[in-house]
N, C-alpha and C. Protein backbone atom coordinates (compact mmCIF):
# COMPACT_ATOMS: atom_id res chain seq x y z
N MET A 1 -54.94 170.58 -150.00
CA MET A 1 -56.03 169.65 -149.86
C MET A 1 -56.65 169.32 -151.21
N LYS A 2 -56.77 170.33 -152.10
CA LYS A 2 -57.35 170.08 -153.41
C LYS A 2 -56.51 169.09 -154.20
N ARG A 3 -55.18 169.20 -154.06
CA ARG A 3 -54.29 168.30 -154.80
C ARG A 3 -54.49 166.85 -154.35
N ILE A 4 -54.61 166.62 -153.05
CA ILE A 4 -54.84 165.28 -152.52
C ILE A 4 -56.18 164.74 -153.03
N ALA A 5 -57.19 165.57 -153.02
CA ALA A 5 -58.51 165.14 -153.49
C ALA A 5 -58.46 164.76 -154.97
N ARG A 6 -57.68 165.50 -155.77
CA ARG A 6 -57.59 165.19 -157.21
C ARG A 6 -56.93 163.85 -157.44
N VAL A 7 -56.09 163.38 -156.53
CA VAL A 7 -55.42 162.10 -156.67
C VAL A 7 -56.25 160.97 -156.02
N VAL A 8 -56.73 161.20 -154.81
CA VAL A 8 -57.42 160.17 -154.05
C VAL A 8 -58.77 159.80 -154.67
N VAL A 9 -59.55 160.76 -155.09
CA VAL A 9 -60.88 160.48 -155.62
C VAL A 9 -60.82 159.58 -156.86
N PRO A 10 -60.00 159.88 -157.87
CA PRO A 10 -59.96 158.98 -159.03
C PRO A 10 -59.44 157.58 -158.68
N VAL A 11 -58.45 157.50 -157.79
CA VAL A 11 -57.92 156.19 -157.40
C VAL A 11 -59.00 155.40 -156.66
N GLY A 12 -59.70 156.04 -155.75
CA GLY A 12 -60.77 155.37 -155.01
C GLY A 12 -61.90 154.94 -155.93
N LEU A 13 -62.26 155.78 -156.84
CA LEU A 13 -63.31 155.46 -157.80
C LEU A 13 -62.89 154.28 -158.68
N GLY A 14 -61.65 154.27 -159.11
CA GLY A 14 -61.14 153.15 -159.92
C GLY A 14 -61.19 151.84 -159.15
N ALA A 15 -60.84 151.88 -157.88
CA ALA A 15 -60.88 150.66 -157.06
C ALA A 15 -62.31 150.16 -156.91
N VAL A 16 -63.25 151.06 -156.71
CA VAL A 16 -64.66 150.67 -156.57
C VAL A 16 -65.17 150.02 -157.86
N ILE A 17 -64.74 150.52 -158.99
CA ILE A 17 -65.20 149.99 -160.27
C ILE A 17 -64.52 148.66 -160.60
N LEU A 18 -63.24 148.52 -160.33
CA LEU A 18 -62.49 147.35 -160.75
C LEU A 18 -62.51 146.18 -159.77
N LEU A 19 -62.54 146.41 -158.49
CA LEU A 19 -62.42 145.33 -157.52
C LEU A 19 -63.57 144.33 -157.52
N PRO A 20 -64.81 144.71 -157.78
CA PRO A 20 -65.87 143.69 -157.76
C PRO A 20 -65.67 142.57 -158.78
N GLY A 21 -64.89 142.78 -159.82
CA GLY A 21 -64.63 141.74 -160.81
C GLY A 21 -63.50 140.81 -160.42
N CYS A 22 -62.83 141.06 -159.30
CA CYS A 22 -61.71 140.23 -158.88
C CYS A 22 -62.19 139.00 -158.12
N THR A 23 -61.37 137.96 -158.17
CA THR A 23 -61.67 136.74 -157.41
C THR A 23 -60.48 136.40 -156.56
N ALA A 24 -60.69 135.50 -155.61
CA ALA A 24 -59.61 135.12 -154.70
C ALA A 24 -58.49 134.39 -155.42
N ASP A 25 -58.81 133.71 -156.54
CA ASP A 25 -57.78 132.96 -157.24
C ASP A 25 -57.08 133.80 -158.31
N GLY A 26 -57.40 135.09 -158.37
CA GLY A 26 -56.68 135.98 -159.26
C GLY A 26 -57.31 136.20 -160.61
N GLY A 27 -58.48 135.66 -160.87
CA GLY A 27 -59.11 135.89 -162.17
C GLY A 27 -60.56 135.47 -162.14
N THR A 28 -61.22 135.74 -163.24
CA THR A 28 -62.61 135.33 -163.36
C THR A 28 -62.69 134.18 -164.33
N ASP A 29 -63.75 133.40 -164.20
CA ASP A 29 -63.98 132.29 -165.11
C ASP A 29 -64.87 132.81 -166.23
N PRO A 30 -64.35 132.94 -167.45
CA PRO A 30 -65.13 133.53 -168.53
C PRO A 30 -66.35 132.69 -168.90
N GLY A 31 -66.41 131.43 -168.53
CA GLY A 31 -67.53 130.57 -168.88
C GLY A 31 -68.70 130.67 -167.91
N ARG A 32 -68.54 131.39 -166.82
CA ARG A 32 -69.60 131.48 -165.83
C ARG A 32 -70.06 132.93 -165.69
N PRO A 33 -71.37 133.11 -165.55
CA PRO A 33 -71.86 134.47 -165.38
C PRO A 33 -71.43 135.03 -164.02
N LEU A 34 -71.21 136.36 -163.97
CA LEU A 34 -70.83 136.98 -162.71
C LEU A 34 -72.05 137.18 -161.81
N ALA A 35 -73.21 137.39 -162.41
CA ALA A 35 -74.43 137.60 -161.63
C ALA A 35 -75.16 136.27 -161.47
N PRO A 36 -75.92 136.13 -160.39
CA PRO A 36 -76.70 134.91 -160.21
C PRO A 36 -77.69 134.71 -161.34
N VAL A 37 -78.00 133.46 -161.61
CA VAL A 37 -78.99 133.13 -162.62
C VAL A 37 -80.33 133.04 -161.92
N GLY A 38 -81.24 133.87 -162.27
CA GLY A 38 -82.59 133.78 -161.71
C GLY A 38 -82.83 134.80 -160.62
N PRO A 39 -84.10 134.90 -160.21
CA PRO A 39 -84.49 135.91 -159.22
C PRO A 39 -84.10 135.51 -157.81
N THR A 40 -84.13 136.49 -156.90
CA THR A 40 -83.86 136.21 -155.49
C THR A 40 -85.15 136.06 -154.70
N ALA A 41 -86.28 136.24 -155.36
CA ALA A 41 -87.58 135.99 -154.75
C ALA A 41 -88.54 135.56 -155.85
N THR A 42 -89.50 134.78 -155.47
CA THR A 42 -90.48 134.29 -156.43
C THR A 42 -91.81 134.14 -155.71
N THR A 43 -92.80 133.69 -156.41
CA THR A 43 -94.10 133.48 -155.80
C THR A 43 -94.05 132.30 -154.84
N THR A 44 -94.97 132.25 -153.91
CA THR A 44 -95.01 131.13 -152.97
C THR A 44 -95.73 129.93 -153.57
N VAL A 45 -96.35 130.11 -154.71
CA VAL A 45 -97.08 129.03 -155.38
C VAL A 45 -96.25 128.53 -156.56
N ALA A 46 -95.97 127.25 -156.57
CA ALA A 46 -95.21 126.66 -157.68
C ALA A 46 -96.12 126.50 -158.89
N PRO A 47 -95.56 126.62 -160.10
CA PRO A 47 -96.36 126.38 -161.31
C PRO A 47 -96.92 124.95 -161.30
N ALA A 48 -98.00 124.73 -162.03
CA ALA A 48 -98.69 123.43 -162.03
C ALA A 48 -97.76 122.28 -162.41
N ALA A 49 -96.94 122.47 -163.44
CA ALA A 49 -96.03 121.39 -163.87
C ALA A 49 -95.01 121.08 -162.77
N ALA A 50 -94.53 122.10 -162.07
CA ALA A 50 -93.58 121.90 -160.97
C ALA A 50 -94.26 121.18 -159.80
N ALA A 51 -95.52 121.49 -159.56
CA ALA A 51 -96.27 120.82 -158.50
C ALA A 51 -96.45 119.33 -158.82
N GLN A 52 -96.64 119.01 -160.09
CA GLN A 52 -96.80 117.60 -160.49
C GLN A 52 -95.50 116.82 -160.26
N VAL A 53 -94.37 117.43 -160.59
CA VAL A 53 -93.08 116.76 -160.36
C VAL A 53 -92.88 116.56 -158.85
N ALA A 54 -93.23 117.57 -158.06
CA ALA A 54 -93.10 117.47 -156.61
C ALA A 54 -94.00 116.38 -156.05
N GLU A 55 -95.17 116.22 -156.63
CA GLU A 55 -96.08 115.16 -156.19
C GLU A 55 -95.45 113.79 -156.43
N ARG A 56 -94.84 113.59 -157.60
CA ARG A 56 -94.15 112.32 -157.88
C ARG A 56 -92.97 112.14 -156.93
N TYR A 57 -92.25 113.22 -156.65
CA TYR A 57 -91.11 113.19 -155.72
C TYR A 57 -91.57 112.74 -154.32
N ARG A 58 -92.64 113.33 -153.83
CA ARG A 58 -93.15 112.96 -152.49
C ARG A 58 -93.64 111.52 -152.49
N ALA A 59 -94.30 111.09 -153.57
CA ALA A 59 -94.79 109.71 -153.67
C ALA A 59 -93.63 108.71 -153.65
N ALA A 60 -92.46 109.14 -154.12
CA ALA A 60 -91.27 108.28 -154.13
C ALA A 60 -90.50 108.35 -152.82
N GLY A 61 -91.06 109.05 -151.82
CA GLY A 61 -90.41 109.12 -150.52
C GLY A 61 -89.69 110.43 -150.24
N GLY A 62 -89.88 111.41 -151.10
CA GLY A 62 -89.22 112.71 -150.92
C GLY A 62 -89.83 113.52 -149.79
N ALA A 63 -89.19 114.62 -149.47
CA ALA A 63 -89.61 115.49 -148.37
C ALA A 63 -91.02 116.03 -148.59
N ARG A 64 -91.86 115.90 -147.58
CA ARG A 64 -93.26 116.35 -147.66
C ARG A 64 -93.38 117.85 -147.87
N GLU A 65 -92.39 118.60 -147.41
CA GLU A 65 -92.45 120.06 -147.48
C GLU A 65 -92.27 120.60 -148.90
N VAL A 66 -91.72 119.79 -149.79
CA VAL A 66 -91.46 120.24 -151.16
C VAL A 66 -92.78 120.24 -151.93
N HIS A 67 -93.15 121.41 -152.47
CA HIS A 67 -94.40 121.49 -153.21
C HIS A 67 -94.20 121.93 -154.65
N GLY A 68 -92.95 122.03 -155.08
CA GLY A 68 -92.67 122.36 -156.47
C GLY A 68 -91.24 122.03 -156.84
N ILE A 69 -91.07 121.40 -158.01
CA ILE A 69 -89.73 121.13 -158.56
C ILE A 69 -89.81 121.43 -160.05
N HIS A 70 -89.05 122.40 -160.47
CA HIS A 70 -89.03 122.78 -161.89
C HIS A 70 -87.62 122.59 -162.42
N ARG A 71 -87.53 122.05 -163.61
CA ARG A 71 -86.21 121.93 -164.23
C ARG A 71 -86.28 122.55 -165.62
N SER A 72 -85.20 123.23 -165.95
CA SER A 72 -85.05 123.82 -167.27
C SER A 72 -83.56 123.79 -167.61
N THR A 73 -83.22 124.36 -168.74
CA THR A 73 -81.83 124.39 -169.15
C THR A 73 -81.22 125.73 -168.77
N GLY A 74 -80.11 125.67 -168.06
CA GLY A 74 -79.42 126.87 -167.63
C GLY A 74 -78.25 127.19 -168.54
N PRO A 75 -77.35 128.06 -168.10
CA PRO A 75 -76.17 128.41 -168.89
C PRO A 75 -75.32 127.18 -169.21
N ASP A 76 -74.72 127.19 -170.36
CA ASP A 76 -73.86 126.10 -170.81
C ASP A 76 -74.61 124.77 -170.94
N GLY A 77 -75.95 124.82 -170.96
CA GLY A 77 -76.75 123.61 -171.15
C GLY A 77 -76.91 122.74 -169.92
N VAL A 78 -76.44 123.19 -168.76
CA VAL A 78 -76.61 122.39 -167.55
C VAL A 78 -78.03 122.56 -167.01
N PRO A 79 -78.53 121.57 -166.27
CA PRO A 79 -79.87 121.70 -165.71
C PRO A 79 -79.94 122.83 -164.68
N LEU A 80 -81.02 123.58 -164.77
CA LEU A 80 -81.34 124.61 -163.78
C LEU A 80 -82.56 124.09 -163.02
N LEU A 81 -82.38 123.81 -161.74
CA LEU A 81 -83.43 123.24 -160.90
C LEU A 81 -83.94 124.30 -159.94
N VAL A 82 -85.26 124.40 -159.83
CA VAL A 82 -85.88 125.31 -158.88
C VAL A 82 -86.80 124.49 -158.00
N VAL A 83 -86.62 124.63 -156.68
CA VAL A 83 -87.41 123.88 -155.71
C VAL A 83 -88.15 124.87 -154.82
N TRP A 84 -89.44 124.61 -154.60
CA TRP A 84 -90.24 125.38 -153.65
C TRP A 84 -90.50 124.49 -152.44
N THR A 85 -90.24 125.02 -151.26
CA THR A 85 -90.44 124.25 -150.03
C THR A 85 -91.25 125.06 -149.03
N ARG A 86 -91.99 124.36 -148.20
CA ARG A 86 -92.72 125.00 -147.11
C ARG A 86 -91.90 125.00 -145.82
N ASP A 87 -90.72 124.42 -145.87
CA ASP A 87 -89.85 124.31 -144.70
C ASP A 87 -89.07 125.62 -144.53
N PRO A 88 -89.25 126.32 -143.40
CA PRO A 88 -88.52 127.57 -143.20
C PRO A 88 -87.06 127.37 -142.77
N ASP A 89 -86.66 126.13 -142.49
CA ASP A 89 -85.30 125.84 -142.02
C ASP A 89 -84.30 126.06 -143.16
N GLU A 90 -83.41 127.04 -142.98
CA GLU A 90 -82.41 127.37 -144.00
C GLU A 90 -81.04 126.82 -143.66
N SER A 91 -80.96 125.87 -142.74
CA SER A 91 -79.66 125.36 -142.31
C SER A 91 -78.96 124.59 -143.43
N ALA A 92 -77.66 124.51 -143.33
CA ALA A 92 -76.85 123.79 -144.32
C ALA A 92 -77.22 122.31 -144.33
N ARG A 93 -77.48 121.76 -143.18
CA ARG A 93 -77.84 120.34 -143.09
C ARG A 93 -79.14 120.04 -143.84
N THR A 94 -80.15 120.86 -143.61
CA THR A 94 -81.43 120.67 -144.29
C THR A 94 -81.26 120.84 -145.79
N PHE A 95 -80.47 121.82 -146.21
CA PHE A 95 -80.23 122.05 -147.64
C PHE A 95 -79.50 120.85 -148.24
N ASP A 96 -78.48 120.34 -147.58
CA ASP A 96 -77.74 119.20 -148.11
C ASP A 96 -78.64 117.98 -148.28
N GLU A 97 -79.51 117.73 -147.31
CA GLU A 97 -80.44 116.61 -147.41
C GLU A 97 -81.41 116.81 -148.58
N LEU A 98 -81.95 118.01 -148.69
CA LEU A 98 -82.89 118.31 -149.77
C LEU A 98 -82.21 118.19 -151.13
N LYS A 99 -81.04 118.77 -151.26
CA LYS A 99 -80.29 118.73 -152.51
C LYS A 99 -80.03 117.29 -152.95
N GLY A 100 -79.58 116.46 -152.03
CA GLY A 100 -79.31 115.06 -152.34
C GLY A 100 -80.57 114.30 -152.71
N SER A 101 -81.63 114.55 -152.00
CA SER A 101 -82.89 113.86 -152.25
C SER A 101 -83.49 114.24 -153.60
N VAL A 102 -83.52 115.52 -153.89
CA VAL A 102 -84.10 116.00 -155.15
C VAL A 102 -83.27 115.55 -156.35
N THR A 103 -81.96 115.73 -156.29
CA THR A 103 -81.13 115.34 -157.44
C THR A 103 -81.14 113.84 -157.65
N SER A 104 -81.18 113.06 -156.57
CA SER A 104 -81.26 111.61 -156.70
C SER A 104 -82.57 111.21 -157.36
N PHE A 105 -83.67 111.79 -156.92
CA PHE A 105 -84.98 111.50 -157.52
C PHE A 105 -84.99 111.85 -159.00
N LEU A 106 -84.51 113.05 -159.33
CA LEU A 106 -84.54 113.49 -160.74
C LEU A 106 -83.68 112.59 -161.62
N GLY A 107 -82.57 112.13 -161.10
CA GLY A 107 -81.70 111.24 -161.87
C GLY A 107 -82.28 109.84 -162.02
N ARG A 108 -82.74 109.27 -160.91
CA ARG A 108 -83.28 107.90 -160.91
C ARG A 108 -84.64 107.79 -161.58
N ARG A 109 -85.55 108.66 -161.19
CA ARG A 109 -86.95 108.51 -161.61
C ARG A 109 -87.35 109.35 -162.81
N GLU A 110 -86.66 110.47 -163.01
CA GLU A 110 -87.05 111.39 -164.09
C GLU A 110 -86.05 111.40 -165.24
N GLY A 111 -84.97 110.62 -165.12
CA GLY A 111 -84.00 110.50 -166.21
C GLY A 111 -83.14 111.72 -166.47
N LEU A 112 -82.97 112.57 -165.48
CA LEU A 112 -82.15 113.78 -165.64
C LEU A 112 -80.67 113.44 -165.49
N SER A 113 -79.87 113.85 -166.46
CA SER A 113 -78.43 113.65 -166.38
C SER A 113 -77.77 114.84 -165.67
N LEU A 114 -76.98 114.54 -164.67
CA LEU A 114 -76.25 115.57 -163.93
C LEU A 114 -74.74 115.43 -164.17
N ASP A 115 -74.38 114.81 -165.30
CA ASP A 115 -72.98 114.58 -165.64
C ASP A 115 -72.14 115.85 -165.69
N ARG A 116 -72.76 116.96 -166.08
CA ARG A 116 -72.03 118.22 -166.19
C ARG A 116 -72.32 119.15 -165.02
N GLY A 117 -73.03 118.62 -164.02
CA GLY A 117 -73.38 119.42 -162.86
C GLY A 117 -74.77 120.02 -163.03
N TYR A 118 -75.08 121.00 -162.18
CA TYR A 118 -76.40 121.62 -162.20
C TYR A 118 -76.38 122.92 -161.42
N LEU A 119 -77.43 123.70 -161.59
CA LEU A 119 -77.67 124.90 -160.80
C LEU A 119 -78.95 124.64 -160.02
N LEU A 120 -78.99 125.07 -158.76
CA LEU A 120 -80.15 124.80 -157.92
C LEU A 120 -80.52 126.04 -157.12
N ASP A 121 -81.78 126.43 -157.21
CA ASP A 121 -82.35 127.49 -156.37
C ASP A 121 -83.44 126.87 -155.51
N VAL A 122 -83.44 127.20 -154.22
CA VAL A 122 -84.49 126.73 -153.31
C VAL A 122 -85.18 127.95 -152.73
N TYR A 123 -86.51 128.00 -152.90
CA TYR A 123 -87.32 129.10 -152.39
C TYR A 123 -88.14 128.62 -151.21
N GLY A 124 -88.20 129.45 -150.17
CA GLY A 124 -88.88 129.09 -148.94
C GLY A 124 -90.36 129.43 -148.94
N PRO A 125 -91.00 129.26 -147.78
CA PRO A 125 -92.44 129.44 -147.67
C PRO A 125 -92.93 130.85 -148.01
N ASP A 126 -92.08 131.85 -147.82
CA ASP A 126 -92.49 133.22 -148.12
C ASP A 126 -92.04 133.67 -149.52
N GLY A 127 -91.50 132.75 -150.32
CA GLY A 127 -91.08 133.07 -151.67
C GLY A 127 -89.66 133.62 -151.78
N SER A 128 -88.97 133.76 -150.65
CA SER A 128 -87.61 134.28 -150.69
C SER A 128 -86.61 133.16 -150.98
N LEU A 129 -85.51 133.54 -151.57
CA LEU A 129 -84.45 132.59 -151.91
C LEU A 129 -83.78 132.10 -150.63
N GLN A 130 -83.84 130.78 -150.40
CA GLN A 130 -83.16 130.20 -149.23
C GLN A 130 -81.74 129.79 -149.58
N HIS A 131 -81.58 129.20 -150.76
CA HIS A 131 -80.26 128.70 -151.16
C HIS A 131 -80.10 128.81 -152.66
N ARG A 132 -78.89 129.07 -153.09
CA ARG A 132 -78.52 129.07 -154.51
C ARG A 132 -77.19 128.33 -154.62
N LEU A 133 -77.17 127.28 -155.43
CA LEU A 133 -75.99 126.46 -155.57
C LEU A 133 -75.60 126.35 -157.05
N ASP A 134 -74.33 126.58 -157.31
CA ASP A 134 -73.77 126.37 -158.65
C ASP A 134 -72.87 125.14 -158.55
N ALA A 135 -73.37 124.00 -159.01
CA ALA A 135 -72.63 122.75 -158.92
C ALA A 135 -72.21 122.28 -160.30
N ARG A 136 -71.88 123.25 -161.18
CA ARG A 136 -71.41 122.88 -162.51
C ARG A 136 -70.00 122.30 -162.41
N LEU A 137 -69.74 121.33 -163.27
CA LEU A 137 -68.43 120.69 -163.31
C LEU A 137 -67.58 121.28 -164.39
């Protein structure tokens, strides 16, 4: 039994250490971080500048539930967008509508270029992460 344990334990430990770095296509993309960018929870109150952008977004016909939109520069220089919403609906349909509406507004009205893609985090009414999208090209 000791001999089996001496073989199985190191092999099992090696698999636990090495397998998380594997991908379905057989490798990792060295240009993309392995960990998510940003927190998985945030405050329920959007910063003042983000609230101002959301106010312009709503005035342009955007979703009433959005109370914060923040943009900054993420990895590789692509836009990192953070949206705060009061809508508890986490469905794919609601997310797709929100994503299209926010990115369209930022491109048309705020002059944001999405030519290289973007990163998007959406936080719900309780401050928890509802969606995280990596749409880099």
